[in-house]
């Protein structure tokens, strides 16, 4: 079974992702900067990590059922 993408709760609406974490940054992906919009979360287009704004509209724990939102995209 494939594990769901990682969800990271953040305190700022502008975040960066380089795919690192359990692996060294050199083995991740290019660093990208993402902006959390009115939906309260954003997904990295490279590794599918989901960044959820603490206290935002999506900060209720059930964001895995919501659609992917890549930075700059709209529903």
N, C-alpha and C. Protein backbone atom coordinates (compact mmCIF):
# COMPACT_ATOMS: atom_id res chain seq x y z
N UNK A 1 0.83 -1.18 0.00
CA UNK A 1 0.00 0.00 0.00
C UNK A 1 0.88 1.24 0.00
N UNK A 2 0.53 2.21 -0.82
CA UNK A 2 1.29 3.45 -0.92
C UNK A 2 0.88 4.39 0.20
N UNK A 3 1.87 4.95 0.87
CA UNK A 3 1.61 5.90 1.95
C UNK A 3 1.09 7.22 1.37
N UNK A 4 0.17 7.90 2.06
CA UNK A 4 -0.30 9.20 1.58
C UNK A 4 0.82 10.23 1.69
N UNK A 5 0.76 11.29 0.89
CA UNK A 5 1.79 12.34 0.98
C UNK A 5 1.83 12.95 2.38
N UNK A 6 2.99 13.44 2.73
CA UNK A 6 3.21 14.05 4.04
C UNK A 6 2.44 15.37 4.15
N UNK A 7 1.88 15.64 5.32
CA UNK A 7 1.21 16.91 5.59
C UNK A 7 2.02 17.64 6.65
N UNK A 8 2.35 18.90 6.35
CA UNK A 8 3.14 19.72 7.27
C UNK A 8 2.33 20.95 7.64
N UNK A 9 2.13 21.18 8.93
CA UNK A 9 1.43 22.37 9.42
C UNK A 9 2.45 23.49 9.57
N UNK A 10 2.14 24.66 9.04
CA UNK A 10 3.06 25.79 9.06
C UNK A 10 2.37 27.03 9.61
N UNK A 11 3.17 27.99 10.08
CA UNK A 11 2.60 29.20 10.67
C UNK A 11 2.61 30.39 9.73
N UNK A 12 3.25 30.26 8.57
CA UNK A 12 3.31 31.36 7.59
C UNK A 12 2.72 30.90 6.27
N UNK A 13 2.15 31.84 5.52
CA UNK A 13 1.50 31.47 4.26
C UNK A 13 2.48 31.26 3.12
N UNK A 14 3.72 31.71 3.25
CA UNK A 14 4.74 31.48 2.23
C UNK A 14 5.71 30.43 2.75
N UNK A 15 5.83 29.33 2.02
CA UNK A 15 6.69 28.22 2.44
C UNK A 15 7.60 27.81 1.29
N UNK A 16 8.64 27.06 1.62
CA UNK A 16 9.51 26.50 0.58
C UNK A 16 9.61 25.00 0.78
N UNK A 17 9.85 24.30 -0.32
CA UNK A 17 9.99 22.85 -0.27
C UNK A 17 11.12 22.44 -1.20
N UNK A 18 11.99 21.55 -0.68
CA UNK A 18 13.07 21.01 -1.52
C UNK A 18 13.06 19.49 -1.53
N UNK A 19 12.00 18.90 -1.00
CA UNK A 19 11.88 17.45 -1.02
C UNK A 19 12.68 16.74 0.03
N UNK A 20 13.45 17.48 0.84
CA UNK A 20 14.25 16.81 1.86
C UNK A 20 13.37 16.50 3.07
N UNK A 21 13.93 15.88 4.01
CA UNK A 21 13.22 15.46 5.22
C UNK A 21 13.99 14.28 5.76
N UNK A 22 13.54 13.08 5.45
CA UNK A 22 14.26 11.87 5.86
C UNK A 22 15.47 11.62 4.96
N UNK A 23 15.51 12.31 3.81
CA UNK A 23 16.63 12.15 2.89
C UNK A 23 17.41 13.46 2.82
N UNK A 24 18.70 13.43 2.45
CA UNK A 24 19.46 14.67 2.32
C UNK A 24 18.87 15.58 1.24
N UNK A 25 19.00 16.89 1.40
CA UNK A 25 18.46 17.84 0.45
C UNK A 25 18.99 17.62 -0.97
N UNK A 26 20.22 17.15 -1.10
CA UNK A 26 20.80 16.91 -2.42
C UNK A 26 20.06 15.83 -3.19
N UNK A 27 19.32 14.97 -2.51
CA UNK A 27 18.58 13.90 -3.17
C UNK A 27 17.11 14.25 -3.37
N UNK A 28 16.72 15.46 -2.97
CA UNK A 28 15.33 15.88 -3.10
C UNK A 28 15.04 16.43 -4.48
N UNK A 29 14.41 17.60 -4.54
CA UNK A 29 14.09 18.26 -5.81
C UNK A 29 14.48 19.72 -5.71
N UNK A 30 14.44 20.48 -6.80
CA UNK A 30 14.79 21.91 -6.72
C UNK A 30 13.89 22.61 -5.71
N UNK A 31 14.45 23.57 -4.98
CA UNK A 31 13.67 24.31 -3.99
C UNK A 31 12.63 25.17 -4.70
N UNK A 32 11.40 25.05 -4.26
CA UNK A 32 10.30 25.86 -4.79
C UNK A 32 9.65 26.61 -3.64
N UNK A 33 9.14 27.79 -3.94
CA UNK A 33 8.43 28.60 -2.96
C UNK A 33 6.94 28.54 -3.29
N UNK A 34 6.14 28.29 -2.28
CA UNK A 34 4.71 28.10 -2.45
C UNK A 34 3.95 29.11 -1.59
N UNK A 35 2.80 29.52 -2.05
CA UNK A 35 1.96 30.47 -1.32
C UNK A 35 0.63 29.82 -0.99
N UNK A 36 0.29 29.81 0.30
CA UNK A 36 -0.99 29.26 0.74
C UNK A 36 -2.04 30.34 0.53
N UNK A 37 -3.13 29.98 -0.16
CA UNK A 37 -4.17 30.95 -0.48
C UNK A 37 -5.37 30.80 0.45
N UNK A 38 -6.53 31.28 0.00
CA UNK A 38 -7.74 31.28 0.84
C UNK A 38 -8.24 29.88 1.18
N UNK A 39 -7.73 28.84 0.51
CA UNK A 39 -8.14 27.47 0.81
C UNK A 39 -7.44 26.94 2.06
N UNK A 40 -6.37 27.60 2.49
CA UNK A 40 -5.68 27.23 3.72
C UNK A 40 -4.60 26.18 3.56
N UNK A 41 -4.33 25.75 2.33
CA UNK A 41 -3.28 24.76 2.11
C UNK A 41 -2.76 24.87 0.68
N UNK A 42 -1.59 24.28 0.45
CA UNK A 42 -1.00 24.21 -0.89
C UNK A 42 -0.19 22.92 -0.98
N UNK A 43 -0.10 22.35 -2.17
CA UNK A 43 0.65 21.11 -2.40
C UNK A 43 1.88 21.39 -3.24
N UNK A 44 2.98 20.72 -2.91
CA UNK A 44 4.20 20.82 -3.71
C UNK A 44 3.98 20.03 -5.00
N UNK A 45 4.29 20.64 -6.12
CA UNK A 45 4.12 19.99 -7.41
C UNK A 45 5.12 18.88 -7.68
N UNK A 46 6.23 18.87 -6.93
CA UNK A 46 7.25 17.84 -7.11
C UNK A 46 6.98 16.60 -6.25
N UNK A 47 6.81 16.81 -4.95
CA UNK A 47 6.75 15.66 -4.03
C UNK A 47 5.38 15.46 -3.38
N UNK A 48 4.41 16.29 -3.71
CA UNK A 48 3.04 16.18 -3.20
C UNK A 48 2.88 16.46 -1.71
N UNK A 49 3.91 16.99 -1.06
CA UNK A 49 3.73 17.38 0.33
C UNK A 49 2.64 18.44 0.40
N UNK A 50 1.84 18.35 1.44
CA UNK A 50 0.76 19.33 1.63
C UNK A 50 1.13 20.21 2.82
N UNK A 51 1.14 21.52 2.60
CA UNK A 51 1.42 22.50 3.64
C UNK A 51 0.10 23.13 4.05
N UNK A 52 -0.24 23.02 5.34
CA UNK A 52 -1.50 23.51 5.87
C UNK A 52 -1.21 24.65 6.83
N UNK A 53 -1.88 25.78 6.65
CA UNK A 53 -1.69 26.95 7.51
C UNK A 53 -2.36 26.71 8.85
N UNK A 54 -1.60 26.83 9.92
CA UNK A 54 -2.13 26.65 11.27
C UNK A 54 -3.18 27.73 11.54
N UNK A 55 -4.35 27.31 11.96
CA UNK A 55 -5.44 28.23 12.23
C UNK A 55 -6.23 28.63 11.00
N UNK A 56 -5.83 28.14 9.83
CA UNK A 56 -6.52 28.45 8.58
C UNK A 56 -7.76 27.58 8.40
N UNK A 57 -8.46 27.82 7.30
CA UNK A 57 -9.71 27.09 7.07
C UNK A 57 -9.50 25.58 6.87
N UNK A 58 -8.32 25.16 6.48
CA UNK A 58 -8.06 23.74 6.25
C UNK A 58 -7.41 23.06 7.45
N UNK A 59 -7.21 23.80 8.52
CA UNK A 59 -6.51 23.25 9.69
C UNK A 59 -7.49 22.52 10.61
N UNK A 60 -8.07 21.44 10.10
CA UNK A 60 -9.00 20.65 10.90
C UNK A 60 -8.70 19.16 10.80
N UNK A 61 -7.62 18.79 10.13
CA UNK A 61 -7.17 17.41 10.12
C UNK A 61 -7.65 16.55 8.97
N UNK A 62 -8.62 16.97 8.19
CA UNK A 62 -9.16 16.13 7.12
C UNK A 62 -8.79 16.65 5.74
N UNK A 63 -7.58 17.19 5.58
CA UNK A 63 -7.19 17.76 4.29
C UNK A 63 -6.86 16.71 3.26
N UNK A 64 -6.73 15.44 3.64
CA UNK A 64 -6.38 14.40 2.66
C UNK A 64 -7.50 14.16 1.67
N UNK A 65 -8.72 14.53 2.00
CA UNK A 65 -9.84 14.33 1.08
C UNK A 65 -10.08 15.53 0.18
N UNK A 66 -9.36 16.62 0.42
CA UNK A 66 -9.52 17.81 -0.41
C UNK A 66 -8.65 17.70 -1.66
N UNK A 67 -9.04 18.35 -2.76
CA UNK A 67 -8.27 18.25 -4.00
C UNK A 67 -6.89 18.89 -3.89
N UNK A 68 -5.96 18.43 -4.74
CA UNK A 68 -4.63 19.03 -4.78
C UNK A 68 -4.73 20.47 -5.25
N UNK A 69 -3.97 21.33 -4.60
CA UNK A 69 -3.86 22.72 -5.04
C UNK A 69 -2.38 23.04 -5.16
N UNK A 70 -1.92 23.17 -6.37
CA UNK A 70 -0.53 23.57 -6.60
C UNK A 70 -0.45 25.08 -6.53
N UNK A 71 0.71 25.58 -6.18
CA UNK A 71 0.88 27.03 -6.05
C UNK A 71 0.51 27.73 -7.35
N UNK A 72 -0.31 28.75 -7.24
CA UNK A 72 -0.72 29.52 -8.40
C UNK A 72 -1.92 28.96 -9.13
N UNK A 73 -2.37 27.79 -8.75
CA UNK A 73 -3.53 27.17 -9.40
C UNK A 73 -4.80 27.59 -8.70
N UNK A 74 -5.90 27.45 -9.36
CA UNK A 74 -7.19 27.74 -8.74
C UNK A 74 -8.14 26.59 -9.01
N UNK A 75 -9.14 26.47 -8.17
CA UNK A 75 -10.13 25.39 -8.33
C UNK A 75 -11.13 25.73 -9.40
